[in-house]
mmCIF file of all heavy atoms, coordinates in Angstrom:
data_MODEL
# 
_entry.id   MODEL 
# 
loop_
_atom_site.group_PDB 
_atom_site.id 
_atom_site.type_symbol 
_atom_site.label_atom_id 
_atom_site.label_alt_id 
_atom_site.label_comp_id 
_atom_site.label_asym_id 
_atom_site.label_entity_id 
_atom_site.label_seq_id 
_atom_site.pdbx_PDB_ins_code 
_atom_site.Cartn_x 
_atom_site.Cartn_y 
_atom_site.Cartn_z 
_atom_site.occupancy 
_atom_site.B_iso_or_equiv 
_atom_site.pdbx_formal_charge 
_atom_site.auth_seq_id 
_atom_site.auth_comp_id 
_atom_site.auth_asym_id 
_atom_site.auth_atom_id 
_atom_site.pdbx_PDB_model_num 
ATOM 1   N N   . ASN A 1 1  ? 10.403 -33.236 19.908 1.00 0.00 ? 1  ASN A N   1 
ATOM 2   C CA  . ASN A 1 1  ? 9.356  -32.354 20.523 1.00 0.00 ? 1  ASN A CA  1 
ATOM 3   C C   . ASN A 1 1  ? 7.983  -32.578 19.950 1.00 0.00 ? 1  ASN A C   1 
ATOM 4   O O   . ASN A 1 1  ? 7.044  -32.667 20.789 1.00 0.00 ? 1  ASN A O   1 
ATOM 5   C CB  . ASN A 1 1  ? 9.778  -30.893 20.154 1.00 0.00 ? 1  ASN A CB  1 
ATOM 6   C CG  . ASN A 1 1  ? 8.770  -29.893 20.738 1.00 0.00 ? 1  ASN A CG  1 
ATOM 7   O OD1 . ASN A 1 1  ? 8.742  -29.683 21.931 1.00 0.00 ? 1  ASN A OD1 1 
ATOM 8   N ND2 . ASN A 1 1  ? 8.015  -29.105 19.865 1.00 0.00 ? 1  ASN A ND2 1 
ATOM 9   N N   . GLY A 1 2  ? 7.788  -32.872 18.618 1.00 0.00 ? 2  GLY A N   1 
ATOM 10  C CA  . GLY A 1 2  ? 6.557  -33.224 18.085 1.00 0.00 ? 2  GLY A CA  1 
ATOM 11  C C   . GLY A 1 2  ? 5.980  -34.563 18.715 1.00 0.00 ? 2  GLY A C   1 
ATOM 12  O O   . GLY A 1 2  ? 4.832  -34.745 18.958 1.00 0.00 ? 2  GLY A O   1 
ATOM 13  N N   . LEU A 1 3  ? 6.872  -35.488 18.842 1.00 0.00 ? 3  LEU A N   1 
ATOM 14  C CA  . LEU A 1 3  ? 6.415  -36.842 19.402 1.00 0.00 ? 3  LEU A CA  1 
ATOM 15  C C   . LEU A 1 3  ? 6.022  -36.675 20.906 1.00 0.00 ? 3  LEU A C   1 
ATOM 16  O O   . LEU A 1 3  ? 5.054  -37.253 21.297 1.00 0.00 ? 3  LEU A O   1 
ATOM 17  C CB  . LEU A 1 3  ? 7.633  -37.880 19.238 1.00 0.00 ? 3  LEU A CB  1 
ATOM 18  C CG  . LEU A 1 3  ? 8.052  -38.270 17.865 1.00 0.00 ? 3  LEU A CG  1 
ATOM 19  C CD1 . LEU A 1 3  ? 9.266  -39.099 17.863 1.00 0.00 ? 3  LEU A CD1 1 
ATOM 20  C CD2 . LEU A 1 3  ? 6.850  -39.063 17.227 1.00 0.00 ? 3  LEU A CD2 1 
ATOM 21  N N   . LEU A 1 4  ? 6.840  -35.924 21.650 1.00 0.00 ? 4  LEU A N   1 
ATOM 22  C CA  . LEU A 1 4  ? 6.438  -35.768 22.944 1.00 0.00 ? 4  LEU A CA  1 
ATOM 23  C C   . LEU A 1 4  ? 5.095  -34.970 23.253 1.00 0.00 ? 4  LEU A C   1 
ATOM 24  O O   . LEU A 1 4  ? 4.302  -35.279 24.071 1.00 0.00 ? 4  LEU A O   1 
ATOM 25  C CB  . LEU A 1 4  ? 7.561  -35.034 23.801 1.00 0.00 ? 4  LEU A CB  1 
ATOM 26  C CG  . LEU A 1 4  ? 8.906  -35.850 23.967 1.00 0.00 ? 4  LEU A CG  1 
ATOM 27  C CD1 . LEU A 1 4  ? 9.893  -34.946 24.572 1.00 0.00 ? 4  LEU A CD1 1 
ATOM 28  C CD2 . LEU A 1 4  ? 8.677  -37.040 24.898 1.00 0.00 ? 4  LEU A CD2 1 
ATOM 29  N N   . LEU A 1 5  ? 4.868  -33.975 22.300 1.00 0.00 ? 5  LEU A N   1 
ATOM 30  C CA  . LEU A 1 5  ? 3.610  -33.215 22.437 1.00 0.00 ? 5  LEU A CA  1 
ATOM 31  C C   . LEU A 1 5  ? 2.345  -34.206 22.144 1.00 0.00 ? 5  LEU A C   1 
ATOM 32  O O   . LEU A 1 5  ? 1.385  -34.083 22.708 1.00 0.00 ? 5  LEU A O   1 
ATOM 33  C CB  . LEU A 1 5  ? 3.583  -32.041 21.408 1.00 0.00 ? 5  LEU A CB  1 
ATOM 34  C CG  . LEU A 1 5  ? 4.458  -30.877 21.863 1.00 0.00 ? 5  LEU A CG  1 
ATOM 35  C CD1 . LEU A 1 5  ? 4.530  -29.916 20.733 1.00 0.00 ? 5  LEU A CD1 1 
ATOM 36  C CD2 . LEU A 1 5  ? 4.064  -30.257 23.160 1.00 0.00 ? 5  LEU A CD2 1 
ATOM 37  N N   . ALA A 1 6  ? 2.602  -35.171 21.139 1.00 0.00 ? 6  ALA A N   1 
ATOM 38  C CA  . ALA A 1 6  ? 1.564  -36.053 20.857 1.00 0.00 ? 6  ALA A CA  1 
ATOM 39  C C   . ALA A 1 6  ? 1.284  -37.033 21.991 1.00 0.00 ? 6  ALA A C   1 
ATOM 40  O O   . ALA A 1 6  ? 0.111  -37.258 22.240 1.00 0.00 ? 6  ALA A O   1 
ATOM 41  C CB  . ALA A 1 6  ? 1.974  -36.900 19.550 1.00 0.00 ? 6  ALA A CB  1 
ATOM 42  N N   . LEU A 1 7  ? 2.395  -37.533 22.690 1.00 0.00 ? 7  LEU A N   1 
ATOM 43  C CA  . LEU A 1 7  ? 2.173  -38.367 23.882 1.00 0.00 ? 7  LEU A CA  1 
ATOM 44  C C   . LEU A 1 7  ? 1.438  -37.487 24.886 1.00 0.00 ? 7  LEU A C   1 
ATOM 45  O O   . LEU A 1 7  ? 0.666  -38.164 25.618 1.00 0.00 ? 7  LEU A O   1 
ATOM 46  C CB  . LEU A 1 7  ? 3.506  -38.779 24.350 1.00 0.00 ? 7  LEU A CB  1 
ATOM 47  C CG  . LEU A 1 7  ? 4.327  -39.843 23.475 1.00 0.00 ? 7  LEU A CG  1 
ATOM 48  C CD1 . LEU A 1 7  ? 5.694  -40.082 24.089 1.00 0.00 ? 7  LEU A CD1 1 
ATOM 49  C CD2 . LEU A 1 7  ? 3.521  -41.210 23.293 1.00 0.00 ? 7  LEU A CD2 1 
ATOM 50  N N   . ASP A 1 8  ? 1.802  -36.264 25.093 1.00 0.00 ? 8  ASP A N   1 
ATOM 51  C CA  . ASP A 1 8  ? 1.146  -35.501 26.173 1.00 0.00 ? 8  ASP A CA  1 
ATOM 52  C C   . ASP A 1 8  ? -0.397 -35.405 25.921 1.00 0.00 ? 8  ASP A C   1 
ATOM 53  O O   . ASP A 1 8  ? -1.263 -35.304 26.832 1.00 0.00 ? 8  ASP A O   1 
ATOM 54  C CB  . ASP A 1 8  ? 1.708  -34.142 26.285 1.00 0.00 ? 8  ASP A CB  1 
ATOM 55  C CG  . ASP A 1 8  ? 2.977  -34.175 26.934 1.00 0.00 ? 8  ASP A CG  1 
ATOM 56  O OD1 . ASP A 1 8  ? 3.318  -35.184 27.552 1.00 0.00 ? 8  ASP A OD1 1 
ATOM 57  O OD2 . ASP A 1 8  ? 3.810  -33.167 26.788 1.00 0.00 ? 8  ASP A OD2 1 
ATOM 58  N N   . ASP A 1 9  ? -0.726 -35.524 24.601 1.00 0.00 ? 9  ASP A N   1 
ATOM 59  C CA  . ASP A 1 9  ? -2.101 -35.299 24.233 1.00 0.00 ? 9  ASP A CA  1 
ATOM 60  C C   . ASP A 1 9  ? -2.927 -36.621 24.217 1.00 0.00 ? 9  ASP A C   1 
ATOM 61  O O   . ASP A 1 9  ? -4.082 -36.736 23.880 1.00 0.00 ? 9  ASP A O   1 
ATOM 62  C CB  . ASP A 1 9  ? -2.258 -34.714 22.795 1.00 0.00 ? 9  ASP A CB  1 
ATOM 63  C CG  . ASP A 1 9  ? -1.943 -33.224 22.800 1.00 0.00 ? 9  ASP A CG  1 
ATOM 64  O OD1 . ASP A 1 9  ? -1.931 -32.635 23.881 1.00 0.00 ? 9  ASP A OD1 1 
ATOM 65  O OD2 . ASP A 1 9  ? -1.519 -32.715 21.696 1.00 0.00 ? 9  ASP A OD2 1 
ATOM 66  N N   . GLY A 1 10 ? -2.101 -37.829 24.612 1.00 0.00 ? 10 GLY A N   1 
ATOM 67  C CA  . GLY A 1 10 ? -2.773 -39.027 24.645 1.00 0.00 ? 10 GLY A CA  1 
ATOM 68  C C   . GLY A 1 10 ? -2.876 -39.788 23.248 1.00 0.00 ? 10 GLY A C   1 
ATOM 69  O O   . GLY A 1 10 ? -3.527 -40.720 23.068 1.00 0.00 ? 10 GLY A O   1 
ATOM 70  N N   . ASN A 1 11 ? -2.040 -39.223 22.263 1.00 0.00 ? 11 ASN A N   1 
ATOM 71  C CA  . ASN A 1 11 ? -2.061 -39.866 20.989 1.00 0.00 ? 11 ASN A CA  1 
ATOM 72  C C   . ASN A 1 11 ? -0.783 -40.793 20.716 1.00 0.00 ? 11 ASN A C   1 
ATOM 73  O O   . ASN A 1 11 ? 0.057  -40.731 21.489 1.00 0.00 ? 11 ASN A O   1 
ATOM 74  C CB  . ASN A 1 11 ? -1.930 -38.637 19.881 1.00 0.00 ? 11 ASN A CB  1 
ATOM 75  C CG  . ASN A 1 11 ? -3.075 -37.793 19.861 1.00 0.00 ? 11 ASN A CG  1 
ATOM 76  O OD1 . ASN A 1 11 ? -4.261 -38.171 20.226 1.00 0.00 ? 11 ASN A OD1 1 
ATOM 77  N ND2 . ASN A 1 11 ? -2.928 -36.500 19.568 1.00 0.00 ? 11 ASN A ND2 1 
ATOM 78  N N   . VAL A 1 12 ? -1.080 -41.532 19.735 1.00 0.00 ? 12 VAL A N   1 
ATOM 79  C CA  . VAL A 1 12 ? 0.100  -42.411 19.258 1.00 0.00 ? 12 VAL A CA  1 
ATOM 80  C C   . VAL A 1 12 ? 0.617  -41.905 17.937 1.00 0.00 ? 12 VAL A C   1 
ATOM 81  O O   . VAL A 1 12 ? -0.004 -41.202 17.327 1.00 0.00 ? 12 VAL A O   1 
ATOM 82  C CB  . VAL A 1 12 ? -0.335 -43.853 19.070 1.00 0.00 ? 12 VAL A CB  1 
ATOM 83  C CG1 . VAL A 1 12 ? -0.688 -44.452 20.334 1.00 0.00 ? 12 VAL A CG1 1 
ATOM 84  C CG2 . VAL A 1 12 ? -1.404 -44.015 18.035 1.00 0.00 ? 12 VAL A CG2 1 
ATOM 85  N N   . SER A 1 13 ? 2.000  -42.103 17.669 1.00 0.00 ? 13 SER A N   1 
ATOM 86  C CA  . SER A 1 13 ? 2.573  -41.456 16.417 1.00 0.00 ? 13 SER A CA  1 
ATOM 87  C C   . SER A 1 13 ? 3.169  -42.652 15.634 1.00 0.00 ? 13 SER A C   1 
ATOM 88  O O   . SER A 1 13 ? 3.753  -43.664 16.246 1.00 0.00 ? 13 SER A O   1 
ATOM 89  C CB  . SER A 1 13 ? 3.590  -40.476 16.887 1.00 0.00 ? 13 SER A CB  1 
ATOM 90  O OG  . SER A 1 13 ? 3.118  -39.364 17.569 1.00 0.00 ? 13 SER A OG  1 
ATOM 91  N N   . LEU A 1 14 ? 3.079  -42.469 14.375 1.00 0.00 ? 14 LEU A N   1 
ATOM 92  C CA  . LEU A 1 14 ? 3.833  -43.321 13.469 1.00 0.00 ? 14 LEU A CA  1 
ATOM 93  C C   . LEU A 1 14 ? 5.014  -42.468 12.854 1.00 0.00 ? 14 LEU A C   1 
ATOM 94  O O   . LEU A 1 14 ? 4.881  -41.518 12.284 1.00 0.00 ? 14 LEU A O   1 
ATOM 95  C CB  . LEU A 1 14 ? 2.902  -43.734 12.377 1.00 0.00 ? 14 LEU A CB  1 
ATOM 96  C CG  . LEU A 1 14 ? 3.558  -44.697 11.217 1.00 0.00 ? 14 LEU A CG  1 
ATOM 97  C CD1 . LEU A 1 14 ? 4.161  -45.948 11.836 1.00 0.00 ? 14 LEU A CD1 1 
ATOM 98  C CD2 . LEU A 1 14 ? 2.428  -45.029 10.103 1.00 0.00 ? 14 LEU A CD2 1 
ATOM 99  N N   . LEU A 1 15 ? 6.178  -43.006 13.144 1.00 0.00 ? 15 LEU A N   1 
ATOM 100 C CA  . LEU A 1 15 ? 7.439  -42.369 12.658 1.00 0.00 ? 15 LEU A CA  1 
ATOM 101 C C   . LEU A 1 15 ? 8.121  -43.246 11.648 1.00 0.00 ? 15 LEU A C   1 
ATOM 102 O O   . LEU A 1 15 ? 8.241  -44.475 11.813 1.00 0.00 ? 15 LEU A O   1 
ATOM 103 C CB  . LEU A 1 15 ? 8.344  -42.326 13.892 1.00 0.00 ? 15 LEU A CB  1 
ATOM 104 C CG  . LEU A 1 15 ? 9.749  -41.645 13.530 1.00 0.00 ? 15 LEU A CG  1 
ATOM 105 C CD1 . LEU A 1 15 ? 9.550  -40.123 13.206 1.00 0.00 ? 15 LEU A CD1 1 
ATOM 106 C CD2 . LEU A 1 15 ? 10.704 -41.843 14.765 1.00 0.00 ? 15 LEU A CD2 1 
ATOM 107 N N   . ALA A 1 16 ? 8.301  -42.623 10.469 1.00 0.00 ? 16 ALA A N   1 
ATOM 108 C CA  . ALA A 1 16 ? 8.946  -43.324 9.318  1.00 0.00 ? 16 ALA A CA  1 
ATOM 109 C C   . ALA A 1 16 ? 10.189 -42.535 8.852  1.00 0.00 ? 16 ALA A C   1 
ATOM 110 O O   . ALA A 1 16 ? 10.170 -41.310 8.763  1.00 0.00 ? 16 ALA A O   1 
ATOM 111 C CB  . ALA A 1 16 ? 7.955  -43.359 8.154  1.00 0.00 ? 16 ALA A CB  1 
ATOM 112 N N   . LEU A 1 17 ? 11.303 -43.304 8.780  1.00 0.00 ? 17 LEU A N   1 
ATOM 113 C CA  . LEU A 1 17 ? 12.570 -42.789 8.372  1.00 0.00 ? 17 LEU A CA  1 
ATOM 114 C C   . LEU A 1 17 ? 12.959 -43.278 7.080  1.00 0.00 ? 17 LEU A C   1 
ATOM 115 O O   . LEU A 1 17 ? 13.173 -44.372 6.873  1.00 0.00 ? 17 LEU A O   1 
ATOM 116 C CB  . LEU A 1 17 ? 13.665 -43.246 9.444  1.00 0.00 ? 17 LEU A CB  1 
ATOM 117 C CG  . LEU A 1 17 ? 13.425 -42.981 10.994 1.00 0.00 ? 17 LEU A CG  1 
ATOM 118 C CD1 . LEU A 1 17 ? 14.651 -43.508 11.799 1.00 0.00 ? 17 LEU A CD1 1 
ATOM 119 C CD2 . LEU A 1 17 ? 13.101 -41.424 11.197 1.00 0.00 ? 17 LEU A CD2 1 
ATOM 120 N N   . LEU A 1 18 ? 12.910 -42.292 6.051  1.00 0.00 ? 18 LEU A N   1 
ATOM 121 C CA  . LEU A 1 18 ? 13.187 -42.627 4.734  1.00 0.00 ? 18 LEU A CA  1 
ATOM 122 C C   . LEU A 1 18 ? 14.680 -42.414 4.307  1.00 0.00 ? 18 LEU A C   1 
ATOM 123 O O   . LEU A 1 18 ? 15.404 -41.430 4.887  1.00 0.00 ? 18 LEU A O   1 
ATOM 124 C CB  . LEU A 1 18 ? 12.332 -41.767 3.744  1.00 0.00 ? 18 LEU A CB  1 
ATOM 125 C CG  . LEU A 1 18 ? 10.819 -41.784 4.142  1.00 0.00 ? 18 LEU A CG  1 
ATOM 126 C CD1 . LEU A 1 18 ? 10.075 -40.943 3.037  1.00 0.00 ? 18 LEU A CD1 1 
ATOM 127 C CD2 . LEU A 1 18 ? 10.366 -43.134 4.077  1.00 0.00 ? 18 LEU A CD2 1 
ATOM 128 N N   . ASP A 1 19 ? 15.254 -43.220 3.491  1.00 0.00 ? 19 ASP A N   1 
ATOM 129 C CA  . ASP A 1 19 ? 16.636 -43.038 3.066  1.00 0.00 ? 19 ASP A CA  1 
ATOM 130 C C   . ASP A 1 19 ? 16.600 -43.176 1.583  1.00 0.00 ? 19 ASP A C   1 
ATOM 131 O O   . ASP A 1 19 ? 15.863 -43.957 0.847  1.00 0.00 ? 19 ASP A O   1 
ATOM 132 C CB  . ASP A 1 19 ? 17.415 -44.263 3.682  1.00 0.00 ? 19 ASP A CB  1 
ATOM 133 C CG  . ASP A 1 19 ? 18.845 -44.097 3.209  1.00 0.00 ? 19 ASP A CG  1 
ATOM 134 O OD1 . ASP A 1 19 ? 19.555 -43.293 3.971  1.00 0.00 ? 19 ASP A OD1 1 
ATOM 135 O OD2 . ASP A 1 19 ? 19.367 -44.903 2.429  1.00 0.00 ? 19 ASP A OD2 1 
ATOM 136 N N   . LEU A 1 20 ? 17.415 -42.239 0.941  1.00 0.00 ? 20 LEU A N   1 
ATOM 137 C CA  . LEU A 1 20 ? 17.695 -42.291 -0.531 1.00 0.00 ? 20 LEU A CA  1 
ATOM 138 C C   . LEU A 1 20 ? 18.750 -43.046 -0.896 1.00 0.00 ? 20 LEU A C   1 
ATOM 139 O O   . LEU A 1 20 ? 19.756 -43.076 -0.225 1.00 0.00 ? 20 LEU A O   1 
ATOM 140 C CB  . LEU A 1 20 ? 17.800 -40.871 -0.943 1.00 0.00 ? 20 LEU A CB  1 
ATOM 141 C CG  . LEU A 1 20 ? 16.534 -39.981 -0.855 1.00 0.00 ? 20 LEU A CG  1 
ATOM 142 C CD1 . LEU A 1 20 ? 16.870 -38.553 -1.410 1.00 0.00 ? 20 LEU A CD1 1 
ATOM 143 C CD2 . LEU A 1 20 ? 15.408 -40.487 -1.486 1.00 0.00 ? 20 LEU A CD2 1 
ATOM 144 N N   . SER A 1 21 ? 18.614 -43.647 -2.036 1.00 0.00 ? 21 SER A N   1 
ATOM 145 C CA  . SER A 1 21 ? 19.799 -44.523 -2.617 1.00 0.00 ? 21 SER A CA  1 
ATOM 146 C C   . SER A 1 21 ? 20.575 -43.713 -3.601 1.00 0.00 ? 21 SER A C   1 
ATOM 147 O O   . SER A 1 21 ? 20.054 -43.095 -4.542 1.00 0.00 ? 21 SER A O   1 
ATOM 148 C CB  . SER A 1 21 ? 19.181 -45.691 -3.367 1.00 0.00 ? 21 SER A CB  1 
ATOM 149 O OG  . SER A 1 21 ? 20.181 -46.460 -3.873 1.00 0.00 ? 21 SER A OG  1 
ATOM 150 N N   . THR A 1 22 ? 21.858 -43.491 -3.266 1.00 0.00 ? 22 THR A N   1 
ATOM 151 C CA  . THR A 1 22 ? 22.852 -42.739 -4.103 1.00 0.00 ? 22 THR A CA  1 
ATOM 152 C C   . THR A 1 22 ? 22.174 -41.434 -4.532 1.00 0.00 ? 22 THR A C   1 
ATOM 153 O O   . THR A 1 22 ? 22.255 -41.022 -5.780 1.00 0.00 ? 22 THR A O   1 
ATOM 154 C CB  . THR A 1 22 ? 23.258 -43.531 -5.339 1.00 0.00 ? 22 THR A CB  1 
ATOM 155 O OG1 . THR A 1 22 ? 22.080 -43.890 -6.033 1.00 0.00 ? 22 THR A OG1 1 
ATOM 156 C CG2 . THR A 1 22 ? 23.965 -44.863 -5.025 1.00 0.00 ? 22 THR A CG2 1 
ATOM 157 N N   . ALA A 1 23 ? 21.786 -40.701 -3.574 1.00 0.00 ? 23 ALA A N   1 
ATOM 158 C CA  . ALA A 1 23 ? 20.924 -39.486 -3.975 1.00 0.00 ? 23 ALA A CA  1 
ATOM 159 C C   . ALA A 1 23 ? 21.737 -38.431 -4.610 1.00 0.00 ? 23 ALA A C   1 
ATOM 160 O O   . ALA A 1 23 ? 21.307 -37.831 -5.591 1.00 0.00 ? 23 ALA A O   1 
ATOM 161 C CB  . ALA A 1 23 ? 20.295 -38.922 -2.555 1.00 0.00 ? 23 ALA A CB  1 
ATOM 162 N N   . PHE A 1 24 ? 23.015 -38.184 -4.124 1.00 0.00 ? 24 PHE A N   1 
ATOM 163 C CA  . PHE A 1 24 ? 23.742 -37.141 -4.700 1.00 0.00 ? 24 PHE A CA  1 
ATOM 164 C C   . PHE A 1 24 ? 24.189 -37.406 -6.212 1.00 0.00 ? 24 PHE A C   1 
ATOM 165 O O   . PHE A 1 24 ? 24.588 -36.548 -6.858 1.00 0.00 ? 24 PHE A O   1 
ATOM 166 C CB  . PHE A 1 24 ? 25.012 -36.873 -3.828 1.00 0.00 ? 24 PHE A CB  1 
ATOM 167 C CG  . PHE A 1 24 ? 24.746 -36.229 -2.555 1.00 0.00 ? 24 PHE A CG  1 
ATOM 168 C CD1 . PHE A 1 24 ? 23.958 -36.729 -1.652 1.00 0.00 ? 24 PHE A CD1 1 
ATOM 169 C CD2 . PHE A 1 24 ? 25.395 -35.002 -2.311 1.00 0.00 ? 24 PHE A CD2 1 
ATOM 170 C CE1 . PHE A 1 24 ? 23.677 -36.074 -0.424 1.00 0.00 ? 24 PHE A CE1 1 
ATOM 171 C CE2 . PHE A 1 24 ? 25.093 -34.308 -1.102 1.00 0.00 ? 24 PHE A CE2 1 
ATOM 172 C CZ  . PHE A 1 24 ? 24.329 -34.805 -0.173 1.00 0.00 ? 24 PHE A CZ  1 
# 
């Protein structure tokens, strides 16, 4: 939803997916 709203406003988005190592 956030990405689509940004596209509707003519913006570009940087999406970063973070992953933890042996977090638990």
